[in-house]
């Protein structure tokens, strides 16, 4: 087995891991949400949205890592690097908007001293 096949396998494994993180996180978050609804937790929906956003952020990070491995190690052509740049830009924008949704501020903005991380926690 040559090194490009191994790296391709690592990349596919990373993609499967990223999809698995999102799938398992969504199922677990949905079950927690349903349990919180059954207990009449008033924060059930907010907690579900935050858990969903965290799951998506983690899954996107793993998927980007898999894309980087594939592009840099397997086929570093100018076209593939341009496609990777587009994918990373889109996923970065998604990550920023998810963080804005969860914390009420952009990633580069500092929270005020003593301020909680989420507007919904106040």
PDB file of N, CA and C in Angstrom:
ATOM      1  N   UNK A   1       0.849  -1.170   0.000  1.00  0.00           N
ATOM      2  CA  UNK A   1       0.000   0.000   0.000  1.00  0.00           C
ATOM      3  C   UNK A   1       0.898   1.238   0.000  1.00  0.00           C
ATOM      4  N   UNK A   2       0.667   2.145  -0.951  1.00  0.00           N
ATOM      5  CA  UNK A   2       1.510   3.331  -1.024  1.00  0.00           C
ATOM      6  C   UNK A   2       0.995   4.420  -0.085  1.00  0.00           C
ATOM      7  N   UNK A   3       1.822   5.449   0.096  1.00  0.00           N
ATOM      8  CA  UNK A   3       1.501   6.481   1.076  1.00  0.00           C
ATOM      9  C   UNK A   3       0.270   7.296   0.678  1.00  0.00           C
ATOM     10  N   UNK A   4       0.048   7.489  -0.628  1.00  0.00           N
ATOM     11  CA  UNK A   4      -1.135   8.268  -1.022  1.00  0.00           C
ATOM     12  C   UNK A   4      -2.422   7.518  -0.689  1.00  0.00           C
ATOM     13  N   UNK A   5      -2.403   6.215  -0.773  1.00  0.00           N
ATOM     14  CA  UNK A   5      -3.584   5.428  -0.404  1.00  0.00           C
ATOM     15  C   UNK A   5      -3.839   5.515   1.104  1.00  0.00           C
ATOM     16  N   UNK A   6      -2.780   5.525   1.890  1.00  0.00           N
ATOM     17  CA  UNK A   6      -2.919   5.654   3.346  1.00  0.00           C
ATOM     18  C   UNK A   6      -3.487   7.022   3.701  1.00  0.00           C
ATOM     19  N   UNK A   7      -2.941   8.055   3.059  1.00  0.00           N
ATOM     20  CA  UNK A   7      -3.417   9.407   3.337  1.00  0.00           C
ATOM     21  C   UNK A   7      -4.864   9.565   2.878  1.00  0.00           C
ATOM     22  N   UNK A   8      -5.202   8.971   1.748  1.00  0.00           N
ATOM     23  CA  UNK A   8      -6.587   9.005   1.270  1.00  0.00           C
ATOM     24  C   UNK A   8      -7.498   8.323   2.284  1.00  0.00           C
ATOM     25  N   UNK A   9      -7.041   7.203   2.836  1.00  0.00           N
ATOM     26  CA  UNK A   9      -7.823   6.513   3.860  1.00  0.00           C
ATOM     27  C   UNK A   9      -7.983   7.347   5.118  1.00  0.00           C
ATOM     28  N   UNK A  10      -6.928   8.054   5.512  1.00  0.00           N
ATOM     29  CA  UNK A  10      -7.011   8.937   6.679  1.00  0.00           C
ATOM     30  C   UNK A  10      -8.025  10.044   6.420  1.00  0.00           C
ATOM     31  N   UNK A  11      -8.002  10.587   5.213  1.00  0.00           N
ATOM     32  CA  UNK A  11      -8.936  11.649   4.853  1.00  0.00           C
ATOM     33  C   UNK A  11     -10.381  11.152   4.886  1.00  0.00           C
ATOM     34  N   UNK A  12     -10.616   9.989   4.310  1.00  0.00           N
ATOM     35  CA  UNK A  12     -11.969   9.409   4.330  1.00  0.00           C
ATOM     36  C   UNK A  12     -12.390   9.109   5.770  1.00  0.00           C
ATOM     37  N   UNK A  13     -11.450   8.612   6.567  1.00  0.00           N
ATOM     38  CA  UNK A  13     -11.746   8.366   7.977  1.00  0.00           C
ATOM     39  C   UNK A  13     -12.123   9.648   8.706  1.00  0.00           C
ATOM     40  N   UNK A  14     -11.416  10.741   8.398  1.00  0.00           N
ATOM     41  CA  UNK A  14     -11.751  12.029   8.997  1.00  0.00           C
ATOM     42  C   UNK A  14     -13.128  12.506   8.586  1.00  0.00           C
ATOM     43  N   UNK A  15     -13.470  12.302   7.318  1.00  0.00           N
ATOM     44  CA  UNK A  15     -14.803  12.694   6.857  1.00  0.00           C
ATOM     45  C   UNK A  15     -15.884  11.873   7.547  1.00  0.00           C
ATOM     46  N   UNK A  16     -15.645  10.576   7.680  1.00  0.00           N
ATOM     47  CA  UNK A  16     -16.613   9.722   8.381  1.00  0.00           C
ATOM     48  C   UNK A  16     -16.740  10.143   9.838  1.00  0.00           C
ATOM     49  N   UNK A  17     -15.616  10.492  10.458  1.00  0.00           N
ATOM     50  CA  UNK A  17     -15.648  10.955  11.845  1.00  0.00           C
ATOM     51  C   UNK A  17     -16.445  12.249  11.966  1.00  0.00           C
ATOM     52  N   UNK A  18     -16.218  13.182  11.044  1.00  0.00           N
ATOM     53  CA  UNK A  18     -16.957  14.439  11.070  1.00  0.00           C
ATOM     54  C   UNK A  18     -18.451  14.234  10.917  1.00  0.00           C
ATOM     55  N   UNK A  19     -18.835  13.397   9.979  1.00  0.00           N
ATOM     56  CA  UNK A  19     -20.260  13.097   9.782  1.00  0.00           C
ATOM     57  C   UNK A  19     -20.804  12.367  11.013  1.00  0.00           C
ATOM     58  N   UNK A  20     -20.016  11.458  11.575  1.00  0.00           N
ATOM     59  CA  UNK A  20     -20.444  10.738  12.773  1.00  0.00           C
ATOM     60  C   UNK A  20     -20.642  11.672  13.960  1.00  0.00           C
ATOM     61  N   UNK A  21     -19.736  12.634  14.127  1.00  0.00           N
ATOM     62  CA  UNK A  21     -19.869  13.603  15.212  1.00  0.00           C
ATOM     63  C   UNK A  21     -21.182  14.363  15.067  1.00  0.00           C
ATOM     64  N   UNK A  22     -21.472  14.820  13.861  1.00  0.00           N
ATOM     65  CA  UNK A  22     -22.710  15.571  13.635  1.00  0.00           C
ATOM     66  C   UNK A  22     -23.929  14.684  13.873  1.00  0.00           C
ATOM     67  N   UNK A  23     -23.913  13.473  13.341  1.00  0.00           N
ATOM     68  CA  UNK A  23     -25.071  12.581  13.484  1.00  0.00           C
ATOM     69  C   UNK A  23     -25.310  12.201  14.946  1.00  0.00           C
ATOM     70  N   UNK A  24     -24.259  11.773  15.630  1.00  0.00           N
ATOM     71  CA  UNK A  24     -24.414  11.367  17.038  1.00  0.00           C
ATOM     72  C   UNK A  24     -24.803  12.568  17.891  1.00  0.00           C
ATOM     73  N   UNK A  25     -24.180  13.710  17.630  1.00  0.00           N
ATOM     74  CA  UNK A  25     -24.512  14.912  18.393  1.00  0.00           C
ATOM     75  C   UNK A  25     -25.954  15.342  18.205  1.00  0.00           C
ATOM     76  N   UNK A  26     -26.450  15.224  16.976  1.00  0.00           N
ATOM     77  CA  UNK A  26     -27.839  15.602  16.717  1.00  0.00           C
ATOM     78  C   UNK A  26     -28.815  14.646  17.409  1.00  0.00           C
ATOM     79  N   UNK A  27     -28.519  13.364  17.358  1.00  0.00           N
ATOM     80  CA  UNK A  27     -29.394  12.389  18.024  1.00  0.00           C
ATOM     81  C   UNK A  27     -29.366  12.610  19.538  1.00  0.00           C
ATOM     82  N   UNK A  28     -28.162  12.760  20.104  1.00  0.00           N
ATOM     83  CA  UNK A  28     -28.051  12.976  21.553  1.00  0.00           C
ATOM     84  C   UNK A  28     -28.721  14.286  21.960  1.00  0.00           C
ATOM     85  N   UNK A  29     -28.510  15.339  21.172  1.00  0.00           N
ATOM     86  CA  UNK A  29     -29.135  16.621  21.481  1.00  0.00           C
ATOM     87  C   UNK A  29     -30.646  16.561  21.407  1.00  0.00           C
ATOM     88  N   UNK A  30     -31.155  15.845  20.424  1.00  0.00           N
ATOM     89  CA  UNK A  30     -32.604  15.698  20.285  1.00  0.00           C
ATOM     90  C   UNK A  30     -33.182  14.918  21.456  1.00  0.00           C
ATOM     91  N   UNK A  31     -32.499  13.863  21.877  1.00  0.00           N
ATOM     92  CA  UNK A  31     -32.976  13.091  23.031  1.00  0.00           C
ATOM     93  C   UNK A  31     -32.967  13.940  24.298  1.00  0.00           C
ATOM     94  N   UNK A  32     -31.888  14.732  24.497  1.00  0.00           N
ATOM     95  CA  UNK A  32     -31.840  15.630  25.660  1.00  0.00           C
ATOM     96  C   UNK A  32     -32.966  16.664  25.588  1.00  0.00           C
ATOM     97  N   UNK A  33     -33.228  17.157  24.384  1.00  0.00           N
ATOM     98  CA  UNK A  33     -34.292  18.145  24.196  1.00  0.00           C
ATOM     99  C   UNK A  33     -35.650  17.543  24.562  1.00  0.00           C
ATOM    100  N   UNK A  34     -35.922  16.345  24.067  1.00  0.00           N
ATOM    101  CA  UNK A  34     -37.196  15.698  24.382  1.00  0.00           C
ATOM    102  C   UNK A  34     -37.330  15.433  25.875  1.00  0.00           C
ATOM    103  N   UNK A  35     -36.236  15.042  26.512  1.00  0.00           N
ATOM    104  CA  UNK A  35     -36.247  14.805  27.959  1.00  0.00           C
ATOM    105  C   UNK A  35     -36.518  16.112  28.703  1.00  0.00           C
ATOM    106  N   UNK A  36     -35.867  17.195  28.261  1.00  0.00           N
ATOM    107  CA  UNK A  36     -36.077  18.498  28.900  1.00  0.00           C
ATOM    108  C   UNK A  36     -37.523  18.969  28.701  1.00  0.00           C
ATOM    109  N   UNK A  37     -38.095  18.694  27.531  1.00  0.00           N
ATOM    110  CA  UNK A  37     -39.503  19.042  27.317  1.00  0.00           C
ATOM    111  C   UNK A  37     -40.409  18.262  28.258  1.00  0.00           C
ATOM    112  N   UNK A  38     -40.107  16.988  28.431  1.00  0.00           N
ATOM    113  CA  UNK A  38     -40.917  16.160  29.329  1.00  0.00           C
ATOM    114  C   UNK A  38     -40.845  16.683  30.760  1.00  0.00           C
ATOM    115  N   UNK A  39     -39.690  17.251  31.131  1.00  0.00           N
ATOM    116  CA  UNK A  39     -39.521  17.819  32.475  1.00  0.00           C
ATOM    117  C   UNK A  39     -39.995  19.268  32.543  1.00  0.00           C
ATOM    118  N   UNK A  40     -40.518  19.779  31.426  1.00  0.00           N
ATOM    119  CA  UNK A  40     -41.018  21.154  31.326  1.00  0.00           C
ATOM    120  C   UNK A  40     -39.935  22.190  31.641  1.00  0.00           C
ATOM    121  N   UNK A  41     -38.740  21.929  31.162  1.00  0.00           N
ATOM    122  CA  UNK A  41     -37.631  22.871  31.323  1.00  0.00           C
ATOM    123  C   UNK A  41     -37.857  24.052  30.376  1.00  0.00           C
ATOM    124  N   UNK A  42     -37.963  25.278  30.906  1.00  0.00           N
ATOM    125  CA  UNK A  42     -38.224  26.434  30.040  1.00  0.00           C
ATOM    126  C   UNK A  42     -37.057  26.760  29.096  1.00  0.00           C
ATOM    127  N   UNK A  43     -35.876  26.265  29.385  1.00  0.00           N
ATOM    128  CA  UNK A  43     -34.705  26.512  28.548  1.00  0.00           C
ATOM    129  C   UNK A  43     -34.460  25.390  27.545  1.00  0.00           C
ATOM    130  N   UNK A  44     -35.381  24.479  27.404  1.00  0.00           N
ATOM    131  CA  UNK A  44     -35.163  23.301  26.561  1.00  0.00           C
ATOM    132  C   UNK A  44     -34.786  23.686  25.140  1.00  0.00           C
ATOM    133  N   UNK A  45     -35.520  24.597  24.546  1.00  0.00           N
ATOM    134  CA  UNK A  45     -35.251  24.971  23.162  1.00  0.00           C
ATOM    135  C   UNK A  45     -33.919  25.694  23.020  1.00  0.00           C
ATOM    136  N   UNK A  46     -33.625  26.612  23.919  1.00  0.00           N
ATOM    137  CA  UNK A  46     -32.354  27.345  23.876  1.00  0.00           C
ATOM    138  C   UNK A  46     -31.191  26.377  24.038  1.00  0.00           C
ATOM    139  N   UNK A  47     -31.297  25.470  24.990  1.00  0.00           N
ATOM    140  CA  UNK A  47     -30.235  24.481  25.198  1.00  0.00           C
ATOM    141  C   UNK A  47     -30.065  23.584  23.975  1.00  0.00           C
ATOM    142  N   UNK A  48     -31.181  23.229  23.345  1.00  0.00           N
ATOM    143  CA  UNK A  48     -31.118  22.400  22.136  1.00  0.00           C
ATOM    144  C   UNK A  48     -30.404  23.141  21.008  1.00  0.00           C
ATOM    145  N   UNK A  49     -30.739  24.402  20.819  1.00  0.00           N
ATOM    146  CA  UNK A  49     -30.075  25.197  19.775  1.00  0.00           C
ATOM    147  C   UNK A  49     -28.581  25.309  20.033  1.00  0.00           C
ATOM    148  N   UNK A  50     -28.192  25.527  21.278  1.00  0.00           N
ATOM    149  CA  UNK A  50     -26.772  25.633  21.602  1.00  0.00           C
ATOM    150  C   UNK A  50     -26.052  24.304  21.383  1.00  0.00           C
ATOM    151  N   UNK A  51     -26.679  23.222  21.793  1.00  0.00           N
ATOM    152  CA  UNK A  51     -26.063  21.905  21.600  1.00  0.00           C
ATOM    153  C   UNK A  51     -25.923  21.594  20.112  1.00  0.00           C
ATOM    154  N   UNK A  52     -26.932  21.954  19.327  1.00  0.00           N
ATOM    155  CA  UNK A  52     -26.877  21.731  17.887  1.00  0.00           C
ATOM    156  C   UNK A  52     -25.751  22.542  17.259  1.00  0.00           C
ATOM    157  N   UNK A  53     -25.627  23.796  17.647  1.00  0.00           N
ATOM    158  CA  UNK A  53     -24.569  24.650  17.100  1.00  0.00           C
ATOM    159  C   UNK A  53     -23.190  24.122  17.477  1.00  0.00           C
ATOM    160  N   UNK A  54     -23.013  23.699  18.736  1.00  0.00           N
ATOM    161  CA  UNK A  54     -21.709  23.146  19.157  1.00  0.00           C
ATOM    162  C   UNK A  54     -21.381  21.882  18.372  1.00  0.00           C
ATOM    163  N   UNK A  55     -22.376  21.041  18.164  1.00  0.00           N
ATOM    164  CA  UNK A  55     -22.176  19.813  17.398  1.00  0.00           C
ATOM    165  C   UNK A  55     -21.758  20.132  15.970  1.00  0.00           C
ATOM    166  N   UNK A  56     -22.440  21.069  15.345  1.00  0.00           N
ATOM    167  CA  UNK A  56     -22.104  21.441  13.974  1.00  0.00           C
ATOM    168  C   UNK A  56     -20.705  22.054  13.888  1.00  0.00           C
ATOM    169  N   UNK A  57     -20.344  22.889  14.852  1.00  0.00           N
ATOM    170  CA  UNK A  57     -19.008  23.487  14.851  1.00  0.00           C
ATOM    171  C   UNK A  57     -17.923  22.418  14.930  1.00  0.00           C
ATOM    172  N   UNK A  58     -18.087  21.470  15.830  1.00  0.00           N
ATOM    173  CA  UNK A  58     -17.092  20.411  15.967  1.00  0.00           C
ATOM    174  C   UNK A  58     -17.036  19.556  14.709  1.00  0.00           C
ATOM    175  N   UNK A  59     -18.183  19.184  14.184  1.00  0.00           N
ATOM    176  CA  UNK A  59     -18.215  18.385  12.960  1.00  0.00           C
ATOM    177  C   UNK A  59     -17.575  19.112  11.789  1.00  0.00           C
ATOM    178  N   UNK A  60     -17.842  20.410  11.652  1.00  0.00           N
ATOM    179  CA  UNK A  60     -17.243  21.195  10.572  1.00  0.00           C
ATOM    180  C   UNK A  60     -15.725  21.261  10.705  1.00  0.00           C
ATOM    181  N   UNK A  61     -15.225  21.404  11.933  1.00  0.00           N
ATOM    182  CA  UNK A  61     -13.779  21.438  12.138  1.00  0.00           C
ATOM    183  C   UNK A  61     -13.125  20.131  11.701  1.00  0.00           C
ATOM    184  N   UNK A  62     -13.739  19.020  12.036  1.00  0.00           N
ATOM    185  CA  UNK A  62     -13.193  17.719  11.645  1.00  0.00           C
ATOM    186  C   UNK A  62     -13.251  17.559  10.125  1.00  0.00           C
ATOM    187  N   UNK A  63     -14.343  17.992   9.511  1.00  0.00           N
ATOM    188  CA  UNK A  63     -14.462  17.890   8.055  1.00  0.00           C
ATOM    189  C   UNK A  63     -13.436  18.765   7.340  1.00  0.00           C
ATOM    190  N   UNK A  64     -13.179  19.952   7.859  1.00  0.00           N
ATOM    191  CA  UNK A  64     -12.160  20.818   7.259  1.00  0.00           C
ATOM    192  C   UNK A  64     -10.787  20.164   7.372  1.00  0.00           C
ATOM    193  N   UNK A  65     -10.499  19.579   8.514  1.00  0.00           N
ATOM    194  CA  UNK A  65      -9.211  18.895   8.684  1.00  0.00           C
ATOM    195  C   UNK A  65      -9.053  17.769   7.668  1.00  0.00           C
ATOM    196  N   UNK A  66     -10.111  17.009   7.446  1.00  0.00           N
ATOM    197  CA  UNK A  66     -10.057  15.925   6.460  1.00  0.00           C
ATOM    198  C   UNK A  66      -9.833  16.477   5.057  1.00  0.00           C
ATOM    199  N   UNK A  67     -10.478  17.600   4.742  1.00  0.00           N
ATOM    200  CA  UNK A  67     -10.281  18.223   3.427  1.00  0.00           C
ATOM    201  C   UNK A  67      -8.849  18.712   3.254  1.00  0.00           C
ATOM    202  N   UNK A  68      -8.284  19.282   4.304  1.00  0.00           N
ATOM    203  CA  UNK A  68      -6.903  19.769   4.236  1.00  0.00           C
ATOM    204  C   UNK A  68      -5.952  18.607   4.006  1.00  0.00           C
ATOM    205  N   UNK A  69      -6.131  17.524   4.733  1.00  0.00           N
ATOM    206  CA  UNK A  69      -5.267  16.349   4.552  1.00  0.00           C
ATOM    207  C   UNK A  69      -5.353  15.852   3.122  1.00  0.00           C
ATOM    208  N   UNK A  70      -6.558  15.726   2.614  1.00  0.00           N
ATOM    209  CA  UNK A  70      -6.729  15.217   1.252  1.00  0.00           C
ATOM    210  C   UNK A  70      -6.069  16.144   0.235  1.00  0.00           C
ATOM    211  N   UNK A  71      -6.307  17.421   0.347  1.00  0.00           N
ATOM    212  CA  UNK A  71      -5.818  18.358  -0.662  1.00  0.00           C
ATOM    213  C   UNK A  71      -4.306  18.535  -0.599  1.00  0.00           C
ATOM    214  N   UNK A  72      -3.770  18.712   0.571  1.00  0.00           N
ATOM    215  CA  UNK A  72      -2.340  18.988   0.706  1.00  0.00           C
ATOM    216  C   UNK A  72      -1.504  17.743   0.466  1.00  0.00           C
ATOM    217  N   UNK A  73      -1.956  16.615   0.965  1.00  0.00           N
ATOM    218  CA  UNK A  73      -1.126  15.418   0.901  1.00  0.00           C
ATOM    219  C   UNK A  73      -1.372  14.562  -0.336  1.00  0.00           C
ATOM    220  N   UNK A  74      -2.583  14.537  -0.847  1.00  0.00           N
ATOM    221  CA  UNK A  74      -2.897  13.625  -1.939  1.00  0.00           C
ATOM    222  C   UNK A  74      -2.795  14.306  -3.303  1.00  0.00           C
ATOM    223  N   UNK A  75      -3.488  15.419  -3.464  1.00  0.00           N
ATOM    224  CA  UNK A  75      -3.544  16.047  -4.785  1.00  0.00           C
ATOM    225  C   UNK A  75      -3.405  17.564  -4.672  1.00  0.00           C
ATOM    226  N   UNK A  76      -2.188  18.059  -4.417  1.00  0.00           N
ATOM    227  CA  UNK A  76      -2.013  19.500  -4.219  1.00  0.00           C
ATOM    228  C   UNK A  76      -1.938  20.298  -5.526  1.00  0.00           C
ATOM    229  N   UNK A  77      -2.942  20.177  -6.368  1.00  0.00           N
ATOM    230  CA  UNK A  77      -2.971  20.957  -7.602  1.00  0.00           C
ATOM    231  C   UNK A  77      -3.596  22.322  -7.301  1.00  0.00           C
ATOM    232  N   UNK A  78      -3.363  23.273  -8.176  1.00  0.00           N
ATOM    233  CA  UNK A  78      -3.895  24.618  -7.991  1.00  0.00           C
ATOM    234  C   UNK A  78      -5.426  24.595  -7.947  1.00  0.00           C
ATOM    235  N   UNK A  79      -6.039  23.786  -8.791  1.00  0.00           N
ATOM    236  CA  UNK A  79      -7.501  23.669  -8.789  1.00  0.00           C
ATOM    237  C   UNK A  79      -8.029  23.109  -7.484  1.00  0.00           C
ATOM    238  N   UNK A  80      -7.386  22.066  -6.975  1.00  0.00           N
ATOM    239  CA  UNK A  80      -7.826  21.463  -5.714  1.00  0.00           C
ATOM    240  C   UNK A  80      -7.637  22.424  -4.542  1.00  0.00           C
ATOM    241  N   UNK A  81      -6.552  23.177  -4.566  1.00  0.00           N
ATOM    242  CA  UNK A  81      -6.312  24.141  -3.495  1.00  0.00           C
ATOM    243  C   UNK A  81      -7.355  25.261  -3.558  1.00  0.00           C
ATOM    244  N   UNK A  82      -7.741  25.671  -4.756  1.00  0.00           N
ATOM    245  CA  UNK A  82      -8.784  26.699  -4.898  1.00  0.00           C
ATOM    246  C   UNK A  82     -10.123  26.179  -4.364  1.00  0.00           C
ATOM    247  N   UNK A  83     -10.447  24.936  -4.675  1.00  0.00           N
ATOM    248  CA  UNK A  83     -11.686  24.342  -4.156  1.00  0.00           C
ATOM    249  C   UNK A  83     -11.623  24.259  -2.637  1.00  0.00           C
ATOM    250  N   UNK A  84     -10.474  23.833  -2.096  1.00  0.00           N
ATOM    251  CA  UNK A  84     -10.305  23.765  -0.642  1.00  0.00           C
ATOM    252  C   UNK A  84     -10.485  25.142  -0.017  1.00  0.00           C
ATOM    253  N   UNK A  85      -9.917  26.176  -0.639  1.00  0.00           N
ATOM    254  CA  UNK A  85     -10.059  27.533  -0.106  1.00  0.00           C
ATOM    255  C   UNK A  85     -11.532  27.941  -0.053  1.00  0.00           C
ATOM    256  N   UNK A  86     -12.286  27.593  -1.084  1.00  0.00           N
ATOM    257  CA  UNK A  86     -13.719  27.892  -1.084  1.00  0.00           C
ATOM    258  C   UNK A  86     -14.458  27.154   0.015  1.00  0.00           C
ATOM    259  N   UNK A  87     -14.138  25.881   0.171  1.00  0.00           N
ATOM    260  CA  UNK A  87     -14.783  25.071   1.211  1.00  0.00           C
ATOM    261  C   UNK A  87     -14.456  25.621   2.594  1.00  0.00           C
ATOM    262  N   UNK A  88     -13.191  25.941   2.822  1.00  0.00           N
ATOM    263  CA  UNK A  88     -12.784  26.480   4.121  1.00  0.00           C
ATOM    264  C   UNK A  88     -13.462  27.824   4.373  1.00  0.00           C
ATOM    265  N   UNK A  89     -13.563  28.668   3.349  1.00  0.00           N
ATOM    266  CA  UNK A  89     -14.220  29.968   3.520  1.00  0.00           C
ATOM    267  C   UNK A  89     -15.693  29.790   3.896  1.00  0.00           C
ATOM    268  N   UNK A  90     -16.378  28.903   3.221  1.00  0.00           N
ATOM    269  CA  UNK A  90     -17.791  28.666   3.520  1.00  0.00           C
ATOM    270  C   UNK A  90     -17.949  28.093   4.921  1.00  0.00           C
ATOM    271  N   UNK A  91     -17.140  27.122   5.274  1.00  0.00           N
ATOM    272  CA  UNK A  91     -17.260  26.514   6.603  1.00  0.00           C
ATOM    273  C   UNK A  91     -16.845  27.490   7.703  1.00  0.00           C
ATOM    274  N   UNK A  92     -15.881  28.354   7.418  1.00  0.00           N
ATOM    275  CA  UNK A  92     -15.500  29.369   8.399  1.00  0.00           C
ATOM    276  C   UNK A  92     -16.654  30.337   8.630  1.00  0.00           C
ATOM    277  N   UNK A  93     -17.298  30.774   7.555  1.00  0.00           N
ATOM    278  CA  UNK A  93     -18.452  31.657   7.684  1.00  0.00           C
ATOM    279  C   UNK A  93     -19.563  30.972   8.484  1.00  0.00           C
ATOM    280  N   UNK A  94     -19.810  29.710   8.194  1.00  0.00           N
ATOM    281  CA  UNK A  94     -20.823  28.968   8.963  1.00  0.00           C
ATOM    282  C   UNK A  94     -20.451  28.897  10.437  1.00  0.00           C
ATOM    283  N   UNK A  95     -19.181  28.648  10.707  1.00  0.00           N
ATOM    284  CA  UNK A  95     -18.714  28.598  12.097  1.00  0.00           C
ATOM    285  C   UNK A  95     -18.913  29.924  12.809  1.00  0.00           C
ATOM    286  N   UNK A  96     -18.597  31.016  12.132  1.00  0.00           N
ATOM    287  CA  UNK A  96     -18.770  32.340  12.736  1.00  0.00           C
ATOM    288  C   UNK A  96     -20.238  32.629  13.018  1.00  0.00           C
ATOM    289  N   UNK A  97     -21.094  32.304  12.062  1.00  0.00           N
ATOM    290  CA  UNK A  97     -22.514  32.582  12.281  1.00  0.00           C
ATOM    291  C   UNK A  97     -23.094  31.692  13.379  1.00  0.00           C
ATOM    292  N   UNK A  98     -22.611  30.463  13.485  1.00  0.00           N
ATOM    293  CA  UNK A  98     -23.067  29.605  14.578  1.00  0.00           C
ATOM    294  C   UNK A  98     -22.608  30.152  15.924  1.00  0.00           C
ATOM    295  N   UNK A  99     -21.363  30.644  15.973  1.00  0.00           N
ATOM    296  CA  UNK A  99     -20.873  31.216  17.223  1.00  0.00           C
ATOM    297  C   UNK A  99     -21.640  32.494  17.565  1.00  0.00           C
ATOM    298  N   UNK A 100     -21.956  33.305  16.569  1.00  0.00           N
ATOM    299  CA  UNK A 100     -22.760  34.507  16.802  1.00  0.00           C
ATOM    300  C   UNK A 100     -24.124  34.115  17.360  1.00  0.00           C
ATOM    301  N   UNK A 101     -24.701  33.072  16.818  1.00  0.00           N
ATOM    302  CA  UNK A 101     -25.998  32.593  17.291  1.00  0.00           C
ATOM    303  C   UNK A 101     -25.915  32.121  18.742  1.00  0.00           C
ATOM    304  N   UNK A 102     -24.852  31.415  19.082  1.00  0.00           N
ATOM    305  CA  UNK A 102     -24.727  30.856  20.431  1.00  0.00           C
ATOM    306  C   UNK A 102     -24.352  31.918  21.464  1.00  0.00           C
ATOM    307  N   UNK A 103     -23.408  32.787  21.129  1.00  0.00           N
ATOM    308  CA  UNK A 103     -22.853  33.685  22.132  1.00  0.00           C
ATOM    309  C   UNK A 103     -23.297  35.127  22.000  1.00  0.00           C
ATOM    310  N   UNK A 104     -23.944  35.465  20.896  1.00  0.00           N
ATOM    311  CA  UNK A 104     -24.413  36.830  20.730  1.00  0.00           C
ATOM    312  C   UNK A 104     -23.310  37.813  20.376  1.00  0.00           C
ATOM    313  N   UNK A 105     -22.153  37.322  19.963  1.00  0.00           N
ATOM    314  CA  UNK A 105     -21.032  38.182  19.563  1.00  0.00           C
ATOM    315  C   UNK A 105     -20.193  37.440  18.549  1.00  0.00           C
ATOM    316  N   UNK A 106     -19.446  38.197  17.756  1.00  0.00           N
ATOM    317  CA  UNK A 106     -18.555  37.590  16.778  1.00  0.00           C
ATOM    318  C   UNK A 106     -17.361  36.963  17.478  1.00  0.00           C
ATOM    319  N   UNK A 107     -16.705  35.984  16.868  1.00  0.00           N
ATOM    320  CA  UNK A 107     -15.583  35.299  17.520  1.00  0.00           C
ATOM    321  C   UNK A 107     -14.445  36.232  17.925  1.00  0.00           C
ATOM    322  N   UNK A 108     -14.244  37.322  17.207  1.00  0.00           N
ATOM    323  CA  UNK A 108     -13.126  38.205  17.508  1.00  0.00           C
ATOM    324  C   UNK A 108     -13.480  39.271  18.542  1.00  0.00           C
ATOM    325  N   UNK A 109     -14.740  39.324  18.947  1.00  0.00           N
ATOM    326  CA  UNK A 109     -15.140  40.272  19.975  1.00  0.00           C
ATOM    327  C   UNK A 109     -14.976  39.634  21.344  1.00  0.00           C
ATOM    328  N   UNK A 110     -14.459  40.434  22.276  1.00  0.00           N
ATOM    329  CA  UNK A 110     -14.314  39.942  23.645  1.00  0.00           C
ATOM    330  C   UNK A 110     -15.616  40.137  24.396  1.00  0.00           C
ATOM    331  N   UNK A 111     -15.869  39.229  25.321  1.00  0.00           N
ATOM    332  CA  UNK A 111     -17.023  39.430  26.182  1.00  0.00           C
ATOM    333  C   UNK A 111     -16.601  40.363  27.311  1.00  0.00           C
ATOM    334  N   UNK A 112     -17.541  41.113  27.820  1.00  0.00           N
ATOM    335  CA  UNK A 112     -17.257  42.022  28.918  1.00  0.00           C
ATOM    336  C   UNK A 112     -16.917  41.212  30.162  1.00  0.00           C
ATOM    337  N   UNK A 113     -16.050  41.746  31.034  1.00  0.00           N
ATOM    338  CA  UNK A 113     -15.722  41.016  32.267  1.00  0.00           C
ATOM    339  C   UNK A 113     -16.980  40.693  33.059  1.00  0.00           C
ATOM    340  N   UNK A 114     -17.092  39.465  33.465  1.00  0.00           N
ATOM    341  CA  UNK A 114     -18.238  39.010  34.240  1.00  0.00           C
ATOM    342  C   UNK A 114     -19.455  38.671  33.391  1.00  0.00           C
ATOM    343  N   UNK A 115     -19.366  38.929  32.075  1.00  0.00           N
ATOM    344  CA  UNK A 115     -20.497  38.621  31.194  1.00  0.00           C
ATOM    345  C   UNK A 115     -20.492  37.136  30.885  1.00  0.00           C
ATOM    346  N   UNK A 116     -21.663  36.554  30.841  1.00  0.00           N
ATOM    347  CA  UNK A 116     -21.771  35.149  30.469  1.00  0.00           C
ATOM    348  C   UNK A 116     -21.511  35.014  28.990  1.00  0.00           C
ATOM    349  N   UNK A 117     -21.238  33.787  28.549  1.00  0.00           N
ATOM    350  CA  UNK A 117     -20.906  33.543  27.149  1.00  0.00           C
ATOM    351  C   UNK A 117     -22.094  33.648  26.223  1.00  0.00           C
ATOM    352  N   UNK A 118     -23.280  33.525  26.729  1.00  0.00           N
ATOM    353  CA  UNK A 118     -24.448  33.504  25.856  1.00  0.00           C
ATOM    354  C   UNK A 118     -25.470  34.538  26.304  1.00  0.00           C
ATOM    355  N   UNK A 119     -26.076  35.233  25.359  1.00  0.00           N
ATOM    356  CA  UNK A 119     -27.128  36.165  25.692  1.00  0.00           C
ATOM    357  C   UNK A 119     -28.310  35.441  26.309  1.00  0.00           C
ATOM    358  N   UNK A 120     -28.532  34.231  25.882  1.00  0.00           N
ATOM    359  CA  UNK A 120     -29.694  33.475  26.354  1.00  0.00           C
ATOM    360  C   UNK A 120     -29.542  33.034  27.794  1.00  0.00           C
ATOM    361  N   UNK A 121     -28.307  33.086  28.354  1.00  0.00           N
ATOM    362  CA  UNK A 121     -28.098  32.663  29.734  1.00  0.00           C
ATOM    363  C   UNK A 121     -28.500  33.753  30.715  1.00  0.00           C
ATOM    364  N   UNK A 122     -28.710  34.970  30.224  1.00  0.00           N
ATOM    365  CA  UNK A 122     -28.988  36.078  31.124  1.00  0.00           C
ATOM    366  C   UNK A 122     -30.425  36.128  31.538  1.00  0.00           C
TER     367      UNK A 122
END
